[in-house]
Amino acid sequence: MADRPEIRIGTAEREEAVALLGEHFAAGRLGLAEFDERVALATQATVRGDLVPLFADLPSAPAVVAPSPGPRDLAEQLLTLVPFVLVALLVIVVLRHPIALLIAFGVLFVAGRRAYRLLGEGRGPS
């Protein structure tokens, strides 16, 4: 901000300074009276040099505290478990009744052949 302190500033720069002061206030670095005083000086500033003293004793970039991750909701937790449960069921069925795997492959084979015929792919030129 203090590259050339004599450069005039506009409303956008004053609003940015007030917003930064608000962040410092929210972080607890400024008391209410001091915040009000600095905001008043920021809104009256006409050149960059007027804003420099307002931030002289504050860190250049306010520390950003990352929000703690909230607990995942029950639906998301259950949805994560679905693939594992399905694989476990498949393994149990195949280990207890291996014939079920052969029946499933047979059903898929017959259904695939029927779909192939219904789509006309199995017929010769008409």
N, C-alpha and C. Protein backbone atom coordinates (compact mmCIF):
# COMPACT_ATOMS: atom_id res chain seq x y z
N MET A 1 0.81 -1.18 0.00
CA MET A 1 0.00 0.00 0.00
C MET A 1 0.86 1.25 0.00
N ALA A 2 2.09 1.16 0.50
CA ALA A 2 2.92 2.35 0.65
C ALA A 2 3.98 2.46 -0.43
N ASP A 3 3.72 1.92 -1.62
CA ASP A 3 4.70 2.03 -2.69
C ASP A 3 4.97 3.50 -3.00
N ARG A 4 3.94 4.23 -3.24
CA ARG A 4 4.05 5.68 -3.48
C ARG A 4 2.98 6.35 -2.64
N PRO A 5 3.35 6.86 -1.47
CA PRO A 5 2.35 7.38 -0.53
C PRO A 5 1.61 8.61 -1.01
N GLU A 6 2.10 9.30 -2.03
CA GLU A 6 1.43 10.53 -2.48
C GLU A 6 0.31 10.26 -3.49
N ILE A 7 0.16 9.02 -3.92
CA ILE A 7 -0.88 8.69 -4.91
C ILE A 7 -2.26 8.78 -4.24
N ARG A 8 -3.17 9.45 -4.93
CA ARG A 8 -4.53 9.61 -4.40
C ARG A 8 -5.27 8.28 -4.46
N ILE A 9 -6.17 8.10 -3.54
CA ILE A 9 -6.97 6.86 -3.49
C ILE A 9 -8.43 7.19 -3.70
N GLY A 10 -9.19 6.16 -4.04
CA GLY A 10 -10.62 6.33 -4.27
C GLY A 10 -11.43 5.55 -3.25
N THR A 11 -12.70 5.48 -3.53
CA THR A 11 -13.63 4.80 -2.63
C THR A 11 -13.28 3.31 -2.47
N ALA A 12 -12.87 2.68 -3.56
CA ALA A 12 -12.56 1.25 -3.50
C ALA A 12 -11.41 0.98 -2.53
N GLU A 13 -10.37 1.81 -2.56
CA GLU A 13 -9.23 1.61 -1.66
C GLU A 13 -9.63 1.87 -0.20
N ARG A 14 -10.47 2.88 0.01
CA ARG A 14 -10.93 3.15 1.38
C ARG A 14 -11.78 1.99 1.90
N GLU A 15 -12.67 1.46 1.04
CA GLU A 15 -13.52 0.34 1.44
C GLU A 15 -12.68 -0.91 1.72
N GLU A 16 -11.63 -1.11 0.92
CA GLU A 16 -10.74 -2.25 1.16
C GLU A 16 -10.03 -2.11 2.51
N ALA A 17 -9.59 -0.91 2.83
CA ALA A 17 -8.93 -0.66 4.11
C ALA A 17 -9.90 -0.91 5.27
N VAL A 18 -11.13 -0.46 5.13
CA VAL A 18 -12.13 -0.68 6.18
C VAL A 18 -12.41 -2.18 6.34
N ALA A 19 -12.49 -2.90 5.21
CA ALA A 19 -12.73 -4.35 5.28
C ALA A 19 -11.57 -5.05 5.99
N LEU A 20 -10.34 -4.65 5.67
CA LEU A 20 -9.17 -5.26 6.34
C LEU A 20 -9.18 -4.94 7.84
N LEU A 21 -9.54 -3.72 8.18
CA LEU A 21 -9.65 -3.37 9.60
C LEU A 21 -10.73 -4.23 10.28
N GLY A 22 -11.81 -4.49 9.57
CA GLY A 22 -12.87 -5.35 10.10
C GLY A 22 -12.38 -6.75 10.37
N GLU A 23 -11.51 -7.27 9.49
CA GLU A 23 -10.94 -8.60 9.70
C GLU A 23 -10.05 -8.61 10.94
N HIS A 24 -9.25 -7.56 11.10
CA HIS A 24 -8.39 -7.47 12.28
C HIS A 24 -9.24 -7.34 13.55
N PHE A 25 -10.33 -6.59 13.47
CA PHE A 25 -11.24 -6.46 14.61
C PHE A 25 -11.86 -7.80 14.95
N ALA A 26 -12.31 -8.53 13.92
CA ALA A 26 -12.93 -9.85 14.13
C ALA A 26 -11.94 -10.84 14.72
N ALA A 27 -10.66 -10.68 14.38
CA ALA A 27 -9.63 -11.57 14.91
C ALA A 27 -9.21 -11.17 16.33
N GLY A 28 -9.73 -10.07 16.84
CA GLY A 28 -9.44 -9.65 18.20
C GLY A 28 -8.18 -8.81 18.35
N ARG A 29 -7.65 -8.33 17.24
CA ARG A 29 -6.44 -7.51 17.30
C ARG A 29 -6.72 -6.05 17.62
N LEU A 30 -7.96 -5.63 17.44
CA LEU A 30 -8.35 -4.25 17.71
C LEU A 30 -9.54 -4.23 18.66
N GLY A 31 -9.53 -3.28 19.55
CA GLY A 31 -10.69 -3.06 20.40
C GLY A 31 -11.72 -2.24 19.64
N LEU A 32 -12.92 -2.14 20.20
CA LEU A 32 -14.00 -1.43 19.51
C LEU A 32 -13.67 0.04 19.30
N ALA A 33 -13.16 0.72 20.33
CA ALA A 33 -12.85 2.15 20.21
C ALA A 33 -11.74 2.37 19.18
N GLU A 34 -10.72 1.54 19.24
CA GLU A 34 -9.61 1.68 18.30
C GLU A 34 -10.06 1.38 16.87
N PHE A 35 -10.92 0.38 16.72
CA PHE A 35 -11.46 0.04 15.41
C PHE A 35 -12.26 1.22 14.85
N ASP A 36 -13.14 1.79 15.65
CA ASP A 36 -13.95 2.94 15.21
C ASP A 36 -13.05 4.11 14.80
N GLU A 37 -12.01 4.36 15.58
CA GLU A 37 -11.10 5.46 15.27
C GLU A 37 -10.38 5.23 13.94
N ARG A 38 -9.91 4.00 13.73
CA ARG A 38 -9.18 3.69 12.49
C ARG A 38 -10.12 3.71 11.28
N VAL A 39 -11.34 3.26 11.45
CA VAL A 39 -12.31 3.30 10.35
C VAL A 39 -12.60 4.74 9.96
N ALA A 40 -12.75 5.61 10.95
CA ALA A 40 -13.00 7.03 10.66
C ALA A 40 -11.82 7.63 9.89
N LEU A 41 -10.60 7.30 10.29
CA LEU A 41 -9.42 7.81 9.58
C LEU A 41 -9.34 7.22 8.16
N ALA A 42 -9.71 5.95 8.01
CA ALA A 42 -9.67 5.32 6.69
C ALA A 42 -10.67 5.96 5.74
N THR A 43 -11.85 6.28 6.23
CA THR A 43 -12.87 6.88 5.36
C THR A 43 -12.53 8.31 4.98
N GLN A 44 -11.66 8.98 5.77
CA GLN A 44 -11.24 10.34 5.45
C GLN A 44 -9.93 10.39 4.66
N ALA A 45 -9.31 9.24 4.45
CA ALA A 45 -8.01 9.21 3.76
C ALA A 45 -8.16 9.68 2.31
N THR A 46 -7.15 10.42 1.83
CA THR A 46 -7.16 10.89 0.44
C THR A 46 -5.98 10.36 -0.35
N VAL A 47 -4.88 9.99 0.31
CA VAL A 47 -3.71 9.43 -0.38
C VAL A 47 -3.31 8.14 0.32
N ARG A 48 -2.51 7.32 -0.37
CA ARG A 48 -2.08 6.03 0.18
C ARG A 48 -1.36 6.20 1.51
N GLY A 49 -0.59 7.23 1.63
CA GLY A 49 0.17 7.47 2.85
C GLY A 49 -0.71 7.66 4.08
N ASP A 50 -1.98 8.08 3.87
CA ASP A 50 -2.89 8.23 5.00
C ASP A 50 -3.30 6.88 5.59
N LEU A 51 -3.24 5.82 4.78
CA LEU A 51 -3.67 4.51 5.24
C LEU A 51 -2.54 3.73 5.92
N VAL A 52 -1.29 4.08 5.63
CA VAL A 52 -0.15 3.32 6.16
C VAL A 52 -0.14 3.27 7.68
N PRO A 53 -0.32 4.39 8.40
CA PRO A 53 -0.27 4.31 9.87
C PRO A 53 -1.39 3.46 10.48
N LEU A 54 -2.48 3.27 9.73
CA LEU A 54 -3.60 2.49 10.26
C LEU A 54 -3.25 1.01 10.41
N PHE A 55 -2.27 0.56 9.61
CA PHE A 55 -1.89 -0.85 9.61
C PHE A 55 -0.47 -1.08 10.11
N ALA A 56 0.18 -0.06 10.61
CA ALA A 56 1.59 -0.15 10.99
C ALA A 56 1.83 -1.19 12.09
N ASP A 57 0.93 -1.31 13.04
CA ASP A 57 1.13 -2.25 14.15
C ASP A 57 0.33 -3.55 13.99
N LEU A 58 -0.21 -3.78 12.79
CA LEU A 58 -1.00 -4.99 12.52
C LEU A 58 -0.25 -5.88 11.54
N PRO A 59 -0.45 -7.19 11.61
CA PRO A 59 0.19 -8.08 10.63
C PRO A 59 -0.32 -7.76 9.23
N SER A 60 0.53 -7.97 8.23
CA SER A 60 0.17 -7.60 6.86
C SER A 60 -1.00 -8.40 6.34
N ALA A 61 -1.05 -9.68 6.63
CA ALA A 61 -2.17 -10.50 6.19
C ALA A 61 -2.79 -11.14 7.43
N PRO A 62 -4.05 -10.86 7.69
CA PRO A 62 -4.68 -11.48 8.86
C PRO A 62 -4.63 -13.00 8.76
N ALA A 63 -4.37 -13.64 9.87
CA ALA A 63 -4.30 -15.10 9.90
C ALA A 63 -5.67 -15.68 9.58
N VAL A 64 -5.69 -16.61 8.68
CA VAL A 64 -6.94 -17.26 8.31
C VAL A 64 -7.02 -18.58 9.07
N VAL A 65 -8.05 -18.71 9.86
CA VAL A 65 -8.25 -19.94 10.61
C VAL A 65 -9.16 -20.83 9.81
N ALA A 66 -8.65 -22.01 9.45
CA ALA A 66 -9.45 -22.94 8.68
C ALA A 66 -10.55 -23.51 9.55
N PRO A 67 -11.77 -23.57 9.02
CA PRO A 67 -12.85 -24.12 9.82
C PRO A 67 -12.61 -25.61 10.07
N SER A 68 -12.95 -26.05 11.26
CA SER A 68 -12.76 -27.46 11.56
C SER A 68 -13.78 -28.27 10.76
N PRO A 69 -13.37 -29.41 10.26
CA PRO A 69 -14.32 -30.20 9.48
C PRO A 69 -15.44 -30.69 10.38
N GLY A 70 -16.64 -30.48 9.94
CA GLY A 70 -17.80 -30.88 10.72
C GLY A 70 -18.03 -32.39 10.61
N PRO A 71 -18.82 -32.93 11.48
CA PRO A 71 -19.11 -34.37 11.39
C PRO A 71 -19.91 -34.67 10.13
N ARG A 72 -19.53 -35.75 9.49
CA ARG A 72 -20.26 -36.13 8.28
C ARG A 72 -21.64 -36.62 8.68
N ASP A 73 -22.60 -36.34 7.84
CA ASP A 73 -23.94 -36.78 8.19
C ASP A 73 -24.09 -38.29 7.97
N LEU A 74 -25.10 -38.85 8.57
CA LEU A 74 -25.30 -40.30 8.58
C LEU A 74 -25.47 -40.85 7.17
N ALA A 75 -26.19 -40.14 6.31
CA ALA A 75 -26.42 -40.63 4.95
C ALA A 75 -25.09 -40.76 4.20
N GLU A 76 -24.20 -39.80 4.37
CA GLU A 76 -22.91 -39.87 3.68
C GLU A 76 -22.08 -41.04 4.21
N GLN A 77 -22.12 -41.28 5.50
CA GLN A 77 -21.38 -42.39 6.08
C GLN A 77 -21.92 -43.73 5.56
N LEU A 78 -23.24 -43.86 5.50
CA LEU A 78 -23.83 -45.10 5.01
C LEU A 78 -23.54 -45.31 3.52
N LEU A 79 -23.57 -44.24 2.76
CA LEU A 79 -23.29 -44.35 1.34
C LEU A 79 -21.87 -44.81 1.08
N THR A 80 -20.96 -44.44 1.95
CA THR A 80 -19.57 -44.86 1.82
C THR A 80 -19.44 -46.36 2.06
N LEU A 81 -20.30 -46.93 2.89
CA LEU A 81 -20.21 -48.35 3.24
C LEU A 81 -20.86 -49.28 2.22
N VAL A 82 -21.74 -48.78 1.37
CA VAL A 82 -22.51 -49.61 0.46
C VAL A 82 -21.62 -50.51 -0.41
N PRO A 83 -20.58 -50.01 -1.10
CA PRO A 83 -19.77 -50.91 -1.94
C PRO A 83 -19.12 -52.04 -1.13
N PHE A 84 -18.66 -51.74 0.07
CA PHE A 84 -18.02 -52.77 0.89
C PHE A 84 -19.01 -53.84 1.31
N VAL A 85 -20.22 -53.43 1.65
CA VAL A 85 -21.25 -54.40 2.05
C VAL A 85 -21.62 -55.29 0.87
N LEU A 86 -21.75 -54.70 -0.32
CA LEU A 86 -22.11 -55.50 -1.50
C LEU A 86 -21.02 -56.52 -1.83
N VAL A 87 -19.76 -56.12 -1.76
CA VAL A 87 -18.67 -57.05 -2.03
C VAL A 87 -18.64 -58.15 -0.98
N ALA A 88 -18.85 -57.80 0.27
CA ALA A 88 -18.87 -58.80 1.34
C ALA A 88 -19.99 -59.80 1.12
N LEU A 89 -21.18 -59.33 0.74
CA LEU A 89 -22.30 -60.23 0.46
C LEU A 89 -21.99 -61.15 -0.71
N LEU A 90 -21.38 -60.61 -1.74
CA LEU A 90 -21.03 -61.43 -2.90
C LEU A 90 -20.04 -62.52 -2.51
N VAL A 91 -19.04 -62.16 -1.73
CA VAL A 91 -18.05 -63.15 -1.29
C VAL A 91 -18.71 -64.23 -0.44
N ILE A 92 -19.58 -63.82 0.48
CA ILE A 92 -20.25 -64.80 1.34
C ILE A 92 -21.10 -65.76 0.53
N VAL A 93 -21.87 -65.23 -0.42
CA VAL A 93 -22.74 -66.07 -1.24
C VAL A 93 -21.92 -67.04 -2.08
N VAL A 94 -20.84 -66.55 -2.69
CA VAL A 94 -20.03 -67.40 -3.55
C VAL A 94 -19.32 -68.48 -2.73
N LEU A 95 -18.84 -68.14 -1.54
CA LEU A 95 -18.15 -69.12 -0.72
C LEU A 95 -19.11 -70.17 -0.14
N ARG A 96 -20.31 -69.75 0.21
CA ARG A 96 -21.26 -70.70 0.81
C ARG A 96 -21.99 -71.50 -0.26
N HIS A 97 -22.26 -70.88 -1.40
CA HIS A 97 -23.02 -71.55 -2.47
C HIS A 97 -22.36 -71.24 -3.82
N PRO A 98 -21.30 -71.94 -4.17
CA PRO A 98 -20.60 -71.64 -5.43
C PRO A 98 -21.48 -71.82 -6.66
N ILE A 99 -22.50 -72.63 -6.54
CA ILE A 99 -23.40 -72.84 -7.68
C ILE A 99 -24.13 -71.54 -8.03
N ALA A 100 -24.31 -70.65 -7.05
CA ALA A 100 -24.98 -69.38 -7.30
C ALA A 100 -24.21 -68.55 -8.33
N LEU A 101 -22.89 -68.64 -8.30
CA LEU A 101 -22.07 -67.91 -9.27
C LEU A 101 -22.30 -68.45 -10.67
N LEU A 102 -22.38 -69.77 -10.81
CA LEU A 102 -22.65 -70.37 -12.12
C LEU A 102 -24.04 -70.00 -12.62
N ILE A 103 -25.01 -69.98 -11.73
CA ILE A 103 -26.37 -69.60 -12.13
C ILE A 103 -26.40 -68.14 -12.59
N ALA A 104 -25.70 -67.27 -11.88
CA ALA A 104 -25.67 -65.86 -12.26
C ALA A 104 -25.03 -65.68 -13.64
N PHE A 105 -23.92 -66.38 -13.89
CA PHE A 105 -23.29 -66.29 -15.21
C PHE A 105 -24.20 -66.84 -16.30
N GLY A 106 -24.93 -67.92 -15.99
CA GLY A 106 -25.87 -68.48 -16.96
C GLY A 106 -26.97 -67.50 -17.31
N VAL A 107 -27.52 -66.86 -16.29
CA VAL A 107 -28.59 -65.89 -16.52
C VAL A 107 -28.08 -64.73 -17.37
N LEU A 108 -26.88 -64.24 -17.05
CA LEU A 108 -26.30 -63.14 -17.83
C LEU A 108 -26.03 -63.56 -19.27
N PHE A 109 -25.59 -64.80 -19.47
CA PHE A 109 -25.30 -65.29 -20.82
C PHE A 109 -26.59 -65.36 -21.65
N VAL A 110 -27.64 -65.93 -21.07
CA VAL A 110 -28.91 -66.06 -21.77
C VAL A 110 -29.50 -64.67 -22.05
N ALA A 111 -29.45 -63.78 -21.08
CA ALA A 111 -30.00 -62.45 -21.27
C ALA A 111 -29.22 -61.70 -22.35
N GLY A 112 -27.93 -61.88 -22.39
CA GLY A 112 -27.11 -61.22 -23.41
C GLY A 112 -27.43 -61.73 -24.80
N ARG A 113 -27.62 -63.04 -24.93
CA ARG A 113 -27.96 -63.60 -26.25
C ARG A 113 -29.32 -63.11 -26.72
N ARG A 114 -30.28 -63.04 -25.80
CA ARG A 114 -31.62 -62.56 -26.17
C ARG A 114 -31.57 -61.10 -26.60
N ALA A 115 -30.83 -60.28 -25.87
CA ALA A 115 -30.72 -58.87 -26.24
C ALA A 115 -30.06 -58.74 -27.60
N TYR A 116 -29.08 -59.58 -27.88
CA TYR A 116 -28.37 -59.56 -29.15
C TYR A 116 -29.35 -59.90 -30.28
N ARG A 117 -30.19 -60.91 -30.06
CA ARG A 117 -31.18 -61.29 -31.09
C ARG A 117 -32.25 -60.22 -31.27
N LEU A 118 -32.72 -59.64 -30.16
CA LEU A 118 -33.79 -58.64 -30.26
C LEU A 118 -33.31 -57.38 -30.99
N LEU A 119 -32.06 -57.07 -30.89
CA LEU A 119 -31.54 -55.89 -31.57
C LEU A 119 -31.27 -56.17 -33.04
N GLY A 120 -31.39 -57.42 -33.45
CA GLY A 120 -31.21 -57.75 -34.86
C GLY A 120 -29.78 -57.96 -35.26
N GLU A 121 -28.87 -58.01 -34.32
CA GLU A 121 -27.46 -58.17 -34.65
C GLU A 121 -27.13 -59.60 -35.05
N GLY A 122 -27.93 -60.56 -34.59
CA GLY A 122 -27.63 -61.95 -34.86
C GLY A 122 -28.19 -62.44 -36.18
N ARG A 123 -28.96 -61.65 -36.87
CA ARG A 123 -29.59 -62.06 -38.13
C ARG A 123 -28.70 -61.70 -39.31
N GLY A 124 -28.87 -62.42 -40.33
CA GLY A 124 -28.13 -62.14 -41.56
C GLY A 124 -28.73 -60.96 -42.29
N PRO A 125 -28.21 -60.67 -43.51
CA PRO A 125 -28.75 -59.54 -44.27
C PRO A 125 -30.19 -59.80 -44.64
N SER A 126 -31.01 -58.75 -44.59
CA SER A 126 -32.43 -58.94 -44.88
C SER A 126 -32.80 -58.45 -46.24
